[in-house]
C-alpha atoms as a PDB file:
ATOM      1  CA  MET A   1     -13.056  13.062 -16.735  1.00  0.00           C
ATOM      2  CA  ILE A   2     -13.855  11.117 -14.284  1.00  0.00           C
ATOM      3  CA  LYS A   3     -11.265  10.324 -11.363  1.00  0.00           C
ATOM      4  CA  ARG A   4     -10.293   6.529 -11.261  1.00  0.00           C
ATOM      5  CA  HIS A   5      -9.336   4.932  -7.374  1.00  0.00           C
ATOM      6  CA  VAL A   6      -6.187   2.934  -7.600  1.00  0.00           C
ATOM      7  CA  LEU A   7      -5.676   0.944  -4.839  1.00  0.00           C
ATOM      8  CA  CYS A   8      -1.531  -0.082  -3.590  1.00  0.00           C
ATOM      9  CA  LEU A   9      -1.627  -2.971  -1.619  1.00  0.00           C
ATOM     10  CA  ASN A  10       1.442  -3.780   0.563  1.00  0.00           C
ATOM     11  CA  PHE A  11       3.590  -1.217  -1.241  1.00  0.00           C
ATOM     12  CA  SER A  12       6.115  -0.290   0.878  1.00  0.00           C
ATOM     13  CA  ASP A  13       5.910   4.346   1.701  1.00  0.00           C
ATOM     14  CA  LYS A  14       8.762   4.434  -0.950  1.00  0.00           C
ATOM     15  CA  GLU A  15       7.649   2.148  -3.606  1.00  0.00           C
ATOM     16  CA  HIS A  16       3.700   3.996  -3.386  1.00  0.00           C
ATOM     17  CA  LEU A  17       5.771   7.289  -3.413  1.00  0.00           C
ATOM     18  CA  VAL A  18       7.109   6.362  -6.714  1.00  0.00           C
ATOM     19  CA  ILE A  19       3.995   5.630  -8.161  1.00  0.00           C
ATOM     20  CA  ALA A  20       2.144   8.723  -7.089  1.00  0.00           C
ATOM     21  CA  GLN A  21       5.450  10.555  -8.903  1.00  0.00           C
ATOM     22  CA  LYS A  22       5.089   8.468 -11.904  1.00  0.00           C
ATOM     23  CA  LEU A  23       1.460   8.649 -12.020  1.00  0.00           C
ATOM     24  CA  ALA A  24       1.727  12.501 -11.424  1.00  0.00           C
ATOM     25  CA  LYS A  25       3.737  12.512 -14.527  1.00  0.00           C
ATOM     26  CA  VAL A  26       1.849  11.424 -17.175  1.00  0.00           C
ATOM     27  CA  ASN A  27      -0.922  13.742 -15.565  1.00  0.00           C
ATOM     28  CA  ALA A  28      -3.364  10.983 -14.888  1.00  0.00           C
ATOM     29  CA  ASP A  29      -6.400  11.740 -12.978  1.00  0.00           C
ATOM     30  CA  VAL A  30      -6.360   8.747 -10.278  1.00  0.00           C
ATOM     31  CA  ILE A  31      -6.690   8.423  -6.706  1.00  0.00           C
ATOM     32  CA  LEU A  32      -4.438   6.961  -4.635  1.00  0.00           C
ATOM     33  CA  GLN A  33      -5.465   4.775  -1.310  1.00  0.00           C
ATOM     34  CA  LYS A  34      -2.574   2.456   0.123  1.00  0.00           C
ATOM     35  CA  ALA A  35      -3.629  -0.181   2.154  1.00  0.00           C
ATOM     36  CA  SER A  36      -1.919  -3.479   3.709  1.00  0.00           C
ATOM     37  CA  LEU A  37      -3.299  -7.171   4.098  1.00  0.00           C
ATOM     38  CA  ASN A  38      -5.173  -6.177   7.535  1.00  0.00           C
ATOM     39  CA  GLU A  39      -7.144  -3.737   6.160  1.00  0.00           C
ATOM     40  CA  VAL A  40      -8.167  -5.792   2.794  1.00  0.00           C
ATOM     41  CA  THR A  41      -9.365  -8.573   5.403  1.00  0.00           C
ATOM     42  CA  ASN A  42     -11.205  -5.772   7.154  1.00  0.00           C
ATOM     43  CA  GLU A  43     -14.705  -6.211   5.353  1.00  0.00           C
ATOM     44  CA  ASP A  44     -16.238  -3.033   6.363  1.00  0.00           C
ATOM     45  CA  ASN A  45     -13.088  -1.350   4.376  1.00  0.00           C
ATOM     46  CA  GLY A  46     -15.385  -1.125   0.869  1.00  0.00           C
ATOM     47  CA  LEU A  47     -12.374  -1.497  -1.360  1.00  0.00           C
ATOM     48  CA  SER A  48     -15.388  -2.617  -4.263  1.00  0.00           C
ATOM     49  CA  LYS A  49     -14.575   1.439  -4.879  1.00  0.00           C
ATOM     50  CA  ALA A  50     -11.211   0.675  -6.787  1.00  0.00           C
ATOM     51  CA  ASN A  51     -11.084   0.763 -10.197  1.00  0.00           C
ATOM     52  CA  LEU A  52      -8.131  -0.625 -10.579  1.00  0.00           C
ATOM     53  CA  ILE A  53      -5.707  -2.706  -8.239  1.00  0.00           C
ATOM     54  CA  LEU A  54      -1.905  -3.119  -7.681  1.00  0.00           C
ATOM     55  CA  LEU A  55      -0.744  -6.244  -5.674  1.00  0.00           C
ATOM     56  CA  MET A  56       2.615  -6.390  -4.345  1.00  0.00           C
ATOM     57  CA  LEU A  57       3.227 -10.034  -3.973  1.00  0.00           C
ATOM     58  CA  SER A  58       6.193 -11.086  -1.669  1.00  0.00           C
ATOM     59  CA  ASN A  59       8.028 -14.456  -1.897  1.00  0.00           C
ATOM     60  CA  ASN A  60       5.695 -16.499   0.899  1.00  0.00           C
ATOM     61  CA  ILE A  61       3.844 -18.059  -1.036  1.00  0.00           C
ATOM     62  CA  GLU A  62       0.883 -18.918   1.625  1.00  0.00           C
ATOM     63  CA  GLU A  63       0.746 -14.942   2.573  1.00  0.00           C
ATOM     64  CA  SER A  64       0.446 -14.093  -1.392  1.00  0.00           C
ATOM     65  CA  LYS A  65      -2.646 -16.719  -1.652  1.00  0.00           C
ATOM     66  CA  THR A  66      -4.205 -15.443   1.435  1.00  0.00           C
ATOM     67  CA  LEU A  67      -3.999 -11.708  -0.115  1.00  0.00           C
ATOM     68  CA  LEU A  68      -5.349 -13.223  -3.560  1.00  0.00           C
ATOM     69  CA  LYS A  69      -8.203 -14.447  -1.793  1.00  0.00           C
ATOM     70  CA  GLN A  70      -9.393 -11.647   0.639  1.00  0.00           C
ATOM     71  CA  VAL A  71      -8.920  -8.986  -2.506  1.00  0.00           C
ATOM     72  CA  LYS A  72     -10.933 -11.516  -4.484  1.00  0.00           C
ATOM     73  CA  LYS A  73     -13.548 -11.537  -1.751  1.00  0.00           C
ATOM     74  CA  GLN A  74     -14.051  -8.015  -1.961  1.00  0.00           C
ATOM     75  CA  PHE A  75     -15.620  -8.074  -5.276  1.00  0.00           C
END
């Protein structure tokens, strides 16, 4: 089975841990990668290997728009 890459953007450590625990509970064969907005804006990061992106949007609309634009640029 092929391992899938799941990119978790803007999740806290606690939220990331919960996601990892739930995926382990269902025996999902995935590689979790945690990143922030600063890492997404770094074009050398090579985020295109992600098969699934989980994106935590904030209450700040402008920040969320910026994050979405940066993620779209990667693909």
